[in-house]
C-alpha atoms as a PDB file:
ATOM      1  CA  MET A   1       7.746 138.433-119.699  1.00  0.00           C
ATOM      2  CA  ARG A   2       5.619 137.481-122.719  1.00  0.00           C
ATOM      3  CA  LYS A   3       3.545 140.290-124.206  1.00  0.00           C
ATOM      4  CA  ASP A   4       0.227 138.522-123.530  1.00  0.00           C
ATOM      5  CA  LYS A   5       1.099 137.928-119.885  1.00  0.00           C
ATOM      6  CA  ARG A   6       2.403 141.503-119.512  1.00  0.00           C
ATOM      7  CA  ASP A   7      -0.869 142.809-120.955  1.00  0.00           C
ATOM      8  CA  PHE A   8      -2.779 140.657-118.470  1.00  0.00           C
ATOM      9  CA  VAL A   9      -0.748 141.938-115.502  1.00  0.00           C
ATOM     10  CA  ASN A  10      -1.213 145.559-116.573  1.00  0.00           C
ATOM     11  CA  LYS A  11      -4.951 145.133-117.014  1.00  0.00           C
ATOM     12  CA  VAL A  12      -5.360 143.385-113.666  1.00  0.00           C
ATOM     13  CA  TYR A  13      -3.357 146.174-112.019  1.00  0.00           C
ATOM     14  CA  SER A  14      -5.585 148.815-113.601  1.00  0.00           C
ATOM     15  CA  VAL A  15      -8.759 146.931-112.674  1.00  0.00           C
ATOM     16  CA  LYS A  16      -7.747 146.403-109.041  1.00  0.00           C
ATOM     17  CA  LYS A  17      -6.529 149.979-108.633  1.00  0.00           C
ATOM     18  CA  ARG A  18      -9.841 151.233-110.008  1.00  0.00           C
ATOM     19  CA  LEU A  19     -12.024 149.010-107.844  1.00  0.00           C
ATOM     20  CA  LEU A  20     -10.070 149.901-104.695  1.00  0.00           C
ATOM     21  CA  ALA A  21     -10.648 153.587-105.445  1.00  0.00           C
ATOM     22  CA  MET A  22     -14.351 152.916-106.004  1.00  0.00           C
ATOM     23  CA  TYR A  23     -14.741 151.169-102.672  1.00  0.00           C
ATOM     24  CA  LYS A  24     -12.739 153.830-100.822  1.00  0.00           C
ATOM     25  CA  GLU A  25     -14.784 156.696-102.289  1.00  0.00           C
ATOM     26  CA  ALA A  26     -18.027 154.863-101.491  1.00  0.00           C
ATOM     27  CA  ASN A  27     -16.822 153.803 -98.005  1.00  0.00           C
ATOM     28  CA  ALA A  28     -18.297 150.405 -98.858  1.00  0.00           C
ATOM     29  CA  GLY A  29     -17.525 146.757 -98.253  1.00  0.00           C
ATOM     30  CA  HIS A  30     -17.355 143.623-100.446  1.00  0.00           C
ATOM     31  CA  ILE A  31     -13.771 144.500-101.381  1.00  0.00           C
ATOM     32  CA  ALA A  32     -12.238 141.072-100.757  1.00  0.00           C
ATOM     33  CA  CYS A  33     -14.725 139.178-102.924  1.00  0.00           C
ATOM     34  CA  SER A  34     -14.018 141.573-105.822  1.00  0.00           C
ATOM     35  CA  LEU A  35     -10.267 141.057-105.438  1.00  0.00           C
ATOM     36  CA  SER A  36     -10.686 137.268-105.543  1.00  0.00           C
ATOM     37  CA  CYS A  37     -12.330 137.275-108.986  1.00  0.00           C
ATOM     38  CA  ALA A  38     -10.626 140.271-110.655  1.00  0.00           C
ATOM     39  CA  GLU A  39      -8.161 138.112-112.600  1.00  0.00           C
ATOM     40  CA  ILE A  40     -10.916 135.727-113.705  1.00  0.00           C
ATOM     41  CA  LEU A  41     -13.097 138.538-115.055  1.00  0.00           C
ATOM     42  CA  THR A  42     -10.102 140.209-116.705  1.00  0.00           C
ATOM     43  CA  PHE A  43      -8.993 137.001-118.380  1.00  0.00           C
ATOM     44  CA  LEU A  44     -12.476 136.199-119.674  1.00  0.00           C
ATOM     45  CA  THR A  45     -13.103 139.703-121.007  1.00  0.00           C
ATOM     46  CA  PHE A  46      -9.775 140.319-122.715  1.00  0.00           C
ATOM     47  CA  PHE A  47      -8.211 136.914-123.355  1.00  0.00           C
ATOM     48  CA  TRP A  48     -11.087 134.555-124.109  1.00  0.00           C
ATOM     49  CA  MET A  49     -14.423 136.096-125.064  1.00  0.00           C
ATOM     50  CA  ASP A  50     -15.354 137.217-128.568  1.00  0.00           C
ATOM     51  CA  ASP A  51     -17.982 139.840-129.443  1.00  0.00           C
ATOM     52  CA  PRO A  52     -21.000 137.466-129.549  1.00  0.00           C
ATOM     53  CA  ASP A  53     -20.118 135.874-126.187  1.00  0.00           C
ATOM     54  CA  THR A  54     -21.888 136.654-122.914  1.00  0.00           C
ATOM     55  CA  LEU A  55     -20.579 136.929-119.347  1.00  0.00           C
ATOM     56  CA  ILE A  56     -22.837 136.675-116.311  1.00  0.00           C
ATOM     57  CA  LEU A  57     -21.360 137.427-112.894  1.00  0.00           C
ATOM     58  CA  SER A  58     -23.577 135.431-110.569  1.00  0.00           C
ATOM     59  CA  LYS A  59     -21.717 136.611-107.447  1.00  0.00           C
ATOM     60  CA  GLY A  60     -23.188 140.061-107.924  1.00  0.00           C
ATOM     61  CA  HIS A  61     -21.796 141.417-104.650  1.00  0.00           C
ATOM     62  CA  ALA A  62     -18.460 141.643-106.517  1.00  0.00           C
ATOM     63  CA  ALA A  63     -20.032 144.181-108.875  1.00  0.00           C
ATOM     64  CA  ALA A  64     -17.166 146.664-108.513  1.00  0.00           C
ATOM     65  CA  ALA A  65     -14.776 144.161-110.092  1.00  0.00           C
ATOM     66  CA  LEU A  66     -17.145 143.779-113.035  1.00  0.00           C
ATOM     67  CA  TYR A  67     -17.634 147.541-113.390  1.00  0.00           C
ATOM     68  CA  ALA A  68     -13.868 148.067-113.289  1.00  0.00           C
ATOM     69  CA  VAL A  69     -13.302 145.446-116.001  1.00  0.00           C
ATOM     70  CA  LEU A  70     -16.051 146.897-118.200  1.00  0.00           C
ATOM     71  CA  CYS A  71     -14.520 150.354-117.761  1.00  0.00           C
ATOM     72  CA  GLU A  72     -11.171 148.907-118.846  1.00  0.00           C
ATOM     73  CA  ALA A  73     -12.976 147.552-121.921  1.00  0.00           C
ATOM     74  CA  GLY A  74     -14.557 150.927-122.700  1.00  0.00           C
ATOM     75  CA  LEU A  75     -18.155 149.886-121.943  1.00  0.00           C
ATOM     76  CA  ILE A  76     -18.347 152.150-118.885  1.00  0.00           C
ATOM     77  CA  THR A  77     -16.723 155.606-118.703  1.00  0.00           C
ATOM     78  CA  GLU A  78     -14.507 156.928-115.930  1.00  0.00           C
ATOM     79  CA  ASP A  79     -17.219 159.513-115.239  1.00  0.00           C
ATOM     80  CA  ASP A  80     -19.685 156.645-114.752  1.00  0.00           C
ATOM     81  CA  ILE A  81     -17.276 154.970-112.328  1.00  0.00           C
ATOM     82  CA  LYS A  82     -17.206 158.132-110.196  1.00  0.00           C
ATOM     83  CA  THR A  83     -20.948 157.710-109.537  1.00  0.00           C
ATOM     84  CA  PHE A  84     -20.498 154.277-107.894  1.00  0.00           C
ATOM     85  CA  TYR A  85     -22.894 153.972-104.916  1.00  0.00           C
ATOM     86  CA  LYS A  86     -24.017 157.623-105.280  1.00  0.00           C
ATOM     87  CA  GLU A  87     -27.522 159.021-105.583  1.00  0.00           C
ATOM     88  CA  GLY A  88     -29.021 158.320-108.995  1.00  0.00           C
ATOM     89  CA  THR A  89     -26.237 155.970-110.119  1.00  0.00           C
ATOM     90  CA  TYR A  90     -26.829 152.817-112.104  1.00  0.00           C
ATOM     91  CA  LEU A  91     -23.588 151.402-110.651  1.00  0.00           C
ATOM     92  CA  GLY A  92     -25.029 150.085-107.430  1.00  0.00           C
ATOM     93  CA  ALA A  93     -23.912 147.382-105.030  1.00  0.00           C
ATOM     94  CA  HIS A  94     -25.154 144.734-107.473  1.00  0.00           C
ATOM     95  CA  PRO A  95     -25.141 144.694-111.291  1.00  0.00           C
ATOM     96  CA  PRO A  96     -28.140 146.483-112.858  1.00  0.00           C
ATOM     97  CA  VAL A  97     -30.420 145.197-115.594  1.00  0.00           C
ATOM     98  CA  ARG A  98     -30.783 146.837-119.037  1.00  0.00           C
ATOM     99  CA  LYS A  99     -28.303 149.608-118.270  1.00  0.00           C
ATOM    100  CA  ILE A 100     -24.908 148.391-119.524  1.00  0.00           C
ATOM    101  CA  ARG A 101     -24.265 146.384-122.665  1.00  0.00           C
ATOM    102  CA  GLY A 102     -21.815 144.112-120.866  1.00  0.00           C
ATOM    103  CA  ILE A 103     -24.311 143.215-118.118  1.00  0.00           C
ATOM    104  CA  PRO A 104     -27.190 141.161-119.536  1.00  0.00           C
ATOM    105  CA  PHE A 105     -28.955 140.420-116.253  1.00  0.00           C
ATOM    106  CA  ALA A 106     -29.169 141.800-112.721  1.00  0.00           C
ATOM    107  CA  THR A 107     -27.587 139.423-110.212  1.00  0.00           C
ATOM    108  CA  GLY A 108     -26.727 139.425-106.546  1.00  0.00           C
ATOM    109  CA  SER A 109     -29.303 137.203-104.899  1.00  0.00           C
ATOM    110  CA  LEU A 110     -27.138 134.111-105.061  1.00  0.00           C
ATOM    111  CA  GLY A 111     -28.019 131.028-107.041  1.00  0.00           C
ATOM    112  CA  HIS A 112     -29.567 132.837-110.036  1.00  0.00           C
ATOM    113  CA  GLY A 113     -26.620 133.301-112.379  1.00  0.00           C
ATOM    114  CA  LEU A 114     -26.062 129.689-113.390  1.00  0.00           C
ATOM    115  CA  PRO A 115     -29.770 128.971-114.100  1.00  0.00           C
ATOM    116  CA  ILE A 116     -29.990 132.140-116.222  1.00  0.00           C
ATOM    117  CA  SER A 117     -26.824 131.190-118.071  1.00  0.00           C
ATOM    118  CA  ALA A 118     -28.130 127.667-118.632  1.00  0.00           C
ATOM    119  CA  GLY A 119     -31.384 128.951-120.117  1.00  0.00           C
ATOM    120  CA  ARG A 120     -29.623 131.363-122.431  1.00  0.00           C
ATOM    121  CA  ALA A 121     -27.093 128.746-123.521  1.00  0.00           C
ATOM    122  CA  PHE A 122     -29.894 126.262-124.224  1.00  0.00           C
ATOM    123  CA  ALA A 123     -31.785 128.827-126.328  1.00  0.00           C
ATOM    124  CA  SER A 124     -28.607 129.660-128.224  1.00  0.00           C
ATOM    125  CA  LYS A 125     -27.983 125.967-128.906  1.00  0.00           C
ATOM    126  CA  LEU A 126     -31.513 125.596-130.293  1.00  0.00           C
ATOM    127  CA  LYS A 127     -30.849 128.563-132.591  1.00  0.00           C
ATOM    128  CA  LYS A 128     -27.549 126.968-133.681  1.00  0.00           C
ATOM    129  CA  GLU A 129     -25.661 130.133-132.762  1.00  0.00           C
ATOM    130  CA  ASN A 130     -21.878 130.179-132.597  1.00  0.00           C
ATOM    131  CA  ARG A 131     -21.311 131.840-129.230  1.00  0.00           C
ATOM    132  CA  LEU A 132     -20.241 131.026-125.704  1.00  0.00           C
ATOM    133  CA  PHE A 133     -21.739 131.871-122.332  1.00  0.00           C
ATOM    134  CA  PHE A 134     -19.551 132.306-119.273  1.00  0.00           C
ATOM    135  CA  CYS A 135     -20.932 132.209-115.738  1.00  0.00           C
ATOM    136  CA  VAL A 136     -18.793 133.114-112.720  1.00  0.00           C
ATOM    137  CA  THR A 137     -20.240 131.883-109.435  1.00  0.00           C
ATOM    138  CA  SER A 138     -18.932 132.075-105.899  1.00  0.00           C
ATOM    139  CA  ASP A 139     -18.292 128.870-103.998  1.00  0.00           C
ATOM    140  CA  GLY A 140     -20.680 130.005-101.243  1.00  0.00           C
ATOM    141  CA  GLU A 141     -23.602 129.962-103.648  1.00  0.00           C
ATOM    142  CA  LEU A 142     -23.031 126.265-104.203  1.00  0.00           C
ATOM    143  CA  ASP A 143     -25.158 125.996-101.061  1.00  0.00           C
ATOM    144  CA  GLU A 144     -28.117 127.039-103.239  1.00  0.00           C
ATOM    145  CA  GLY A 145     -30.290 124.270-104.651  1.00  0.00           C
ATOM    146  CA  SER A 146     -30.970 126.286-107.797  1.00  0.00           C
ATOM    147  CA  THR A 147     -27.272 126.085-108.668  1.00  0.00           C
ATOM    148  CA  TRP A 148     -27.305 122.293-108.614  1.00  0.00           C
ATOM    149  CA  GLU A 149     -30.590 122.128-110.519  1.00  0.00           C
ATOM    150  CA  ALA A 150     -28.946 124.260-113.206  1.00  0.00           C
ATOM    151  CA  ALA A 151     -25.920 121.956-113.168  1.00  0.00           C
ATOM    152  CA  LEU A 152     -28.196 118.965-113.854  1.00  0.00           C
ATOM    153  CA  PHE A 153     -29.856 120.882-116.703  1.00  0.00           C
ATOM    154  CA  ILE A 154     -26.501 121.852-118.243  1.00  0.00           C
ATOM    155  CA  SER A 155     -25.261 118.280-118.079  1.00  0.00           C
ATOM    156  CA  HIS A 156     -28.500 116.739-119.363  1.00  0.00           C
ATOM    157  CA  HIS A 157     -28.623 119.048-122.383  1.00  0.00           C
ATOM    158  CA  ARG A 158     -24.866 118.852-122.981  1.00  0.00           C
ATOM    159  CA  LEU A 159     -24.427 122.595-123.017  1.00  0.00           C
ATOM    160  CA  THR A 160     -20.802 122.772-124.059  1.00  0.00           C
ATOM    161  CA  ASN A 161     -21.435 126.381-125.101  1.00  0.00           C
ATOM    162  CA  LEU A 162     -21.532 127.319-121.401  1.00  0.00           C
ATOM    163  CA  ILE A 163     -18.322 127.621-119.375  1.00  0.00           C
ATOM    164  CA  TRP A 164     -18.929 127.584-115.617  1.00  0.00           C
ATOM    165  CA  MET A 165     -16.209 129.286-113.560  1.00  0.00           C
ATOM    166  CA  ILE A 166     -16.251 128.767-109.782  1.00  0.00           C
ATOM    167  CA  ASP A 167     -14.418 131.371-107.685  1.00  0.00           C
ATOM    168  CA  ARG A 168     -13.181 128.906-105.062  1.00  0.00           C
ATOM    169  CA  ASN A 169     -11.833 131.205-102.347  1.00  0.00           C
ATOM    170  CA  HIS A 170     -13.131 128.939 -99.531  1.00  0.00           C
ATOM    171  CA  ILE A 171     -14.863 131.789 -97.648  1.00  0.00           C
ATOM    172  CA  GLN A 172     -18.500 132.893 -97.683  1.00  0.00           C
ATOM    173  CA  GLY A 173     -20.481 135.487 -95.761  1.00  0.00           C
ATOM    174  CA  PHE A 174     -20.695 133.502 -92.507  1.00  0.00           C
ATOM    175  CA  GLY A 175     -17.329 131.781 -92.402  1.00  0.00           C
ATOM    176  CA  ARG A 176     -15.189 129.244 -94.246  1.00  0.00           C
ATOM    177  CA  THR A 177     -17.158 127.136 -96.704  1.00  0.00           C
ATOM    178  CA  GLU A 178     -16.038 123.857 -95.174  1.00  0.00           C
ATOM    179  CA  ASP A 179     -17.350 124.987 -91.778  1.00  0.00           C
ATOM    180  CA  VAL A 180     -20.653 126.408 -93.026  1.00  0.00           C
ATOM    181  CA  MET A 181     -21.548 123.590 -95.433  1.00  0.00           C
ATOM    182  CA  ALA A 182     -18.699 121.421 -96.643  1.00  0.00           C
ATOM    183  CA  LEU A 183     -18.231 121.294-100.423  1.00  0.00           C
ATOM    184  CA  GLU A 184     -15.275 118.951-100.732  1.00  0.00           C
ATOM    185  CA  PRO A 185     -14.589 116.809-102.615  1.00  0.00           C
ATOM    186  CA  LEU A 186     -16.027 119.373-105.042  1.00  0.00           C
ATOM    187  CA  ASP A 187     -14.368 117.957-108.149  1.00  0.00           C
ATOM    188  CA  VAL A 188     -15.794 114.497-107.453  1.00  0.00           C
ATOM    189  CA  LYS A 189     -19.308 115.910-107.025  1.00  0.00           C
ATOM    190  CA  LEU A 190     -19.100 117.833-110.294  1.00  0.00           C
ATOM    191  CA  LYS A 191     -17.758 114.790-112.116  1.00  0.00           C
ATOM    192  CA  ALA A 192     -20.739 112.833-110.782  1.00  0.00           C
ATOM    193  CA  PHE A 193     -22.924 115.464-112.457  1.00  0.00           C
ATOM    194  CA  ARG A 194     -21.100 114.561-115.703  1.00  0.00           C
ATOM    195  CA  PHE A 195     -19.002 117.702-116.016  1.00  0.00           C
ATOM    196  CA  HIS A 196     -15.518 117.868-117.443  1.00  0.00           C
ATOM    197  CA  VAL A 197     -13.746 119.323-114.399  1.00  0.00           C
ATOM    198  CA  ILE A 198     -10.694 121.540-114.768  1.00  0.00           C
ATOM    199  CA  LYS A 199      -8.729 123.024-111.892  1.00  0.00           C
ATOM    200  CA  ALA A 200      -6.905 126.328-112.243  1.00  0.00           C
ATOM    201  CA  ASP A 201      -5.117 128.973-110.229  1.00  0.00           C
ATOM    202  CA  GLY A 202      -7.607 131.812-110.570  1.00  0.00           C
ATOM    203  CA  HIS A 203      -4.891 134.457-110.166  1.00  0.00           C
ATOM    204  CA  SER A 204      -2.462 133.062-112.767  1.00  0.00           C
ATOM    205  CA  TYR A 205      -2.566 133.962-116.442  1.00  0.00           C
ATOM    206  CA  ASP A 206      -0.726 130.790-117.435  1.00  0.00           C
ATOM    207  CA  SER A 207      -3.072 128.577-115.432  1.00  0.00           C
ATOM    208  CA  LEU A 208      -6.209 130.283-116.759  1.00  0.00           C
ATOM    209  CA  LEU A 209      -4.831 130.008-120.302  1.00  0.00           C
ATOM    210  CA  ALA A 210      -4.189 126.282-119.817  1.00  0.00           C
ATOM    211  CA  ALA A 211      -7.765 125.869-118.564  1.00  0.00           C
ATOM    212  CA  LYS A 212      -9.072 127.696-121.629  1.00  0.00           C
ATOM    213  CA  LEU A 213      -7.096 125.438-123.968  1.00  0.00           C
ATOM    214  CA  GLU A 214      -8.344 122.333-122.157  1.00  0.00           C
ATOM    215  CA  CYS A 215     -11.942 123.576-122.509  1.00  0.00           C
ATOM    216  CA  LEU A 216     -11.475 124.110-126.232  1.00  0.00           C
ATOM    217  CA  SER A 217      -9.929 120.668-126.573  1.00  0.00           C
ATOM    218  CA  ASN A 218     -12.760 119.038-124.653  1.00  0.00           C
ATOM    219  CA  ASN A 219     -15.374 120.843-126.750  1.00  0.00           C
ATOM    220  CA  GLY A 220     -13.705 119.519-129.858  1.00  0.00           C
ATOM    221  CA  THR A 221     -13.814 115.891-128.766  1.00  0.00           C
ATOM    222  CA  SER A 222     -16.692 115.557-126.292  1.00  0.00           C
ATOM    223  CA  GLU A 223     -20.228 116.694-125.487  1.00  0.00           C
ATOM    224  CA  THR A 224     -19.401 116.926-121.789  1.00  0.00           C
ATOM    225  CA  PRO A 225     -19.836 120.492-120.446  1.00  0.00           C
ATOM    226  CA  ASN A 226     -16.918 122.251-118.774  1.00  0.00           C
ATOM    227  CA  VAL A 227     -16.547 123.621-115.259  1.00  0.00           C
ATOM    228  CA  ILE A 228     -13.367 125.335-114.079  1.00  0.00           C
ATOM    229  CA  ILE A 229     -12.691 125.353-110.346  1.00  0.00           C
ATOM    230  CA  CYS A 230     -10.575 128.474-109.916  1.00  0.00           C
ATOM    231  CA  GLU A 231      -8.597 128.276-106.690  1.00  0.00           C
ATOM    232  CA  THR A 232      -8.421 131.851-105.406  1.00  0.00           C
ATOM    233  CA  ILE A 233      -7.614 133.876-102.302  1.00  0.00           C
ATOM    234  CA  LYS A 234     -10.277 136.145-100.870  1.00  0.00           C
ATOM    235  CA  GLY A 235      -8.788 139.651-100.767  1.00  0.00           C
ATOM    236  CA  HIS A 236      -5.968 138.583-103.074  1.00  0.00           C
ATOM    237  CA  GLY A 237      -3.053 141.011-103.236  1.00  0.00           C
ATOM    238  CA  VAL A 238      -3.873 142.961-100.065  1.00  0.00           C
ATOM    239  CA  SER A 239      -2.206 141.212 -97.145  1.00  0.00           C
ATOM    240  CA  PHE A 240      -4.536 142.355 -94.359  1.00  0.00           C
ATOM    241  CA  MET A 241      -7.620 141.353 -96.354  1.00  0.00           C
ATOM    242  CA  GLU A 242      -6.476 137.927 -97.502  1.00  0.00           C
ATOM    243  CA  ASN A 243      -8.296 134.833 -96.219  1.00  0.00           C
ATOM    244  CA  THR A 244     -10.503 136.713 -93.762  1.00  0.00           C
ATOM    245  CA  VAL A 245     -14.263 136.740 -93.337  1.00  0.00           C
ATOM    246  CA  ASP A 246     -14.236 140.315 -91.997  1.00  0.00           C
ATOM    247  CA  TRP A 247     -13.185 141.831 -95.311  1.00  0.00           C
ATOM    248  CA  HIS A 248     -16.268 140.439 -96.950  1.00  0.00           C
ATOM    249  CA  TYR A 249     -17.920 143.437 -95.283  1.00  0.00           C
ATOM    250  CA  LEU A 250     -15.462 146.087 -94.051  1.00  0.00           C
ATOM    251  CA  PRO A 251     -14.686 149.422 -95.761  1.00  0.00           C
ATOM    252  CA  MET A 252     -11.142 150.872 -95.814  1.00  0.00           C
ATOM    253  CA  ASP A 253      -9.824 153.813 -93.852  1.00  0.00           C
ATOM    254  CA  ASP A 254      -7.166 156.131 -95.331  1.00  0.00           C
ATOM    255  CA  GLY A 255      -4.230 154.162 -93.964  1.00  0.00           C
ATOM    256  CA  GLN A 256      -5.582 150.835 -95.162  1.00  0.00           C
ATOM    257  CA  TYR A 257      -6.286 152.264 -98.602  1.00  0.00           C
ATOM    258  CA  LYS A 258      -2.703 153.536 -98.925  1.00  0.00           C
ATOM    259  CA  LYS A 259      -1.314 150.174 -97.804  1.00  0.00           C
ATOM    260  CA  ALA A 260      -3.536 148.353-100.314  1.00  0.00           C
ATOM    261  CA  LEU A 261      -2.290 150.579-103.146  1.00  0.00           C
ATOM    262  CA  ASP A 262       1.329 150.164-102.065  1.00  0.00           C
ATOM    263  CA  GLU A 263       0.964 146.381-102.059  1.00  0.00           C
ATOM    264  CA  LEU A 264      -0.728 146.478-105.450  1.00  0.00           C
ATOM    265  CA  ASP A 265       2.217 148.500-106.819  1.00  0.00           C
ATOM    266  CA  ALA A 266       4.650 145.991-105.310  1.00  0.00           C
ATOM    267  CA  TRP A 267       2.716 143.097-106.869  1.00  0.00           C
ATOM    268  CA  ARG A 268       3.024 144.599-110.347  1.00  0.00           C
ATOM    269  CA  GLU A 269       6.759 145.138-109.900  1.00  0.00           C
ATOM    270  CA  GLN A 270       7.214 141.511-108.903  1.00  0.00           C
ATOM    271  CA  GLN A 271       5.470 140.086-111.959  1.00  0.00           C
END
């Protein structure tokens, strides 16, 4: 295995092991939505972003995945992680504001992350800054009108300094996205909004790397902004959580936690 891919696998393993422990200790839900975007957040943080760049996790209910990644990056301590969900913590169910350097804005009420990212990217473009903004949204929050208004703004102002990542796991809080409010053909809709649309496997290092290289190529030849539709599996890596609505909410018991860790260990061995 190449060193870069091995580093990615090891970091994802560490991130997922940490977030599973956080959820178990807190006896809290939202585990599956954190597992679906863990690779995306890991790739962005360690294999794409530079120091001036900014990441906004719009799907704030997956906060544990973000906290785990920031801990891996040294922006949150292990002692901080132990306070997750506890009295007086700043590591709550949704990302806090003005508490952690790697979290520029509080999110969680869906449909806010992309508009915030668009505004910050527009301001940065006016200042002629050399930096990128990354926004990770869920697919469920594509039901929000504010998301599409932001998409129009990004396209109109040709904000190629903003990379929009969609965690396309096909499940939202009330059911499968195509049953709640159908999104397909999503790529066609985004192209109609004048985005350069890239599709990627959101759990694959090679696929995410190819998407990154395509974004860089597009930015070098076009003023069309980029969106990456990351095909993912809700609850990825834990068999009894995968592709279920229930694990958007459920906490783990001791047996389920052990099985999740065992499957995570097996996943790393198979890579």
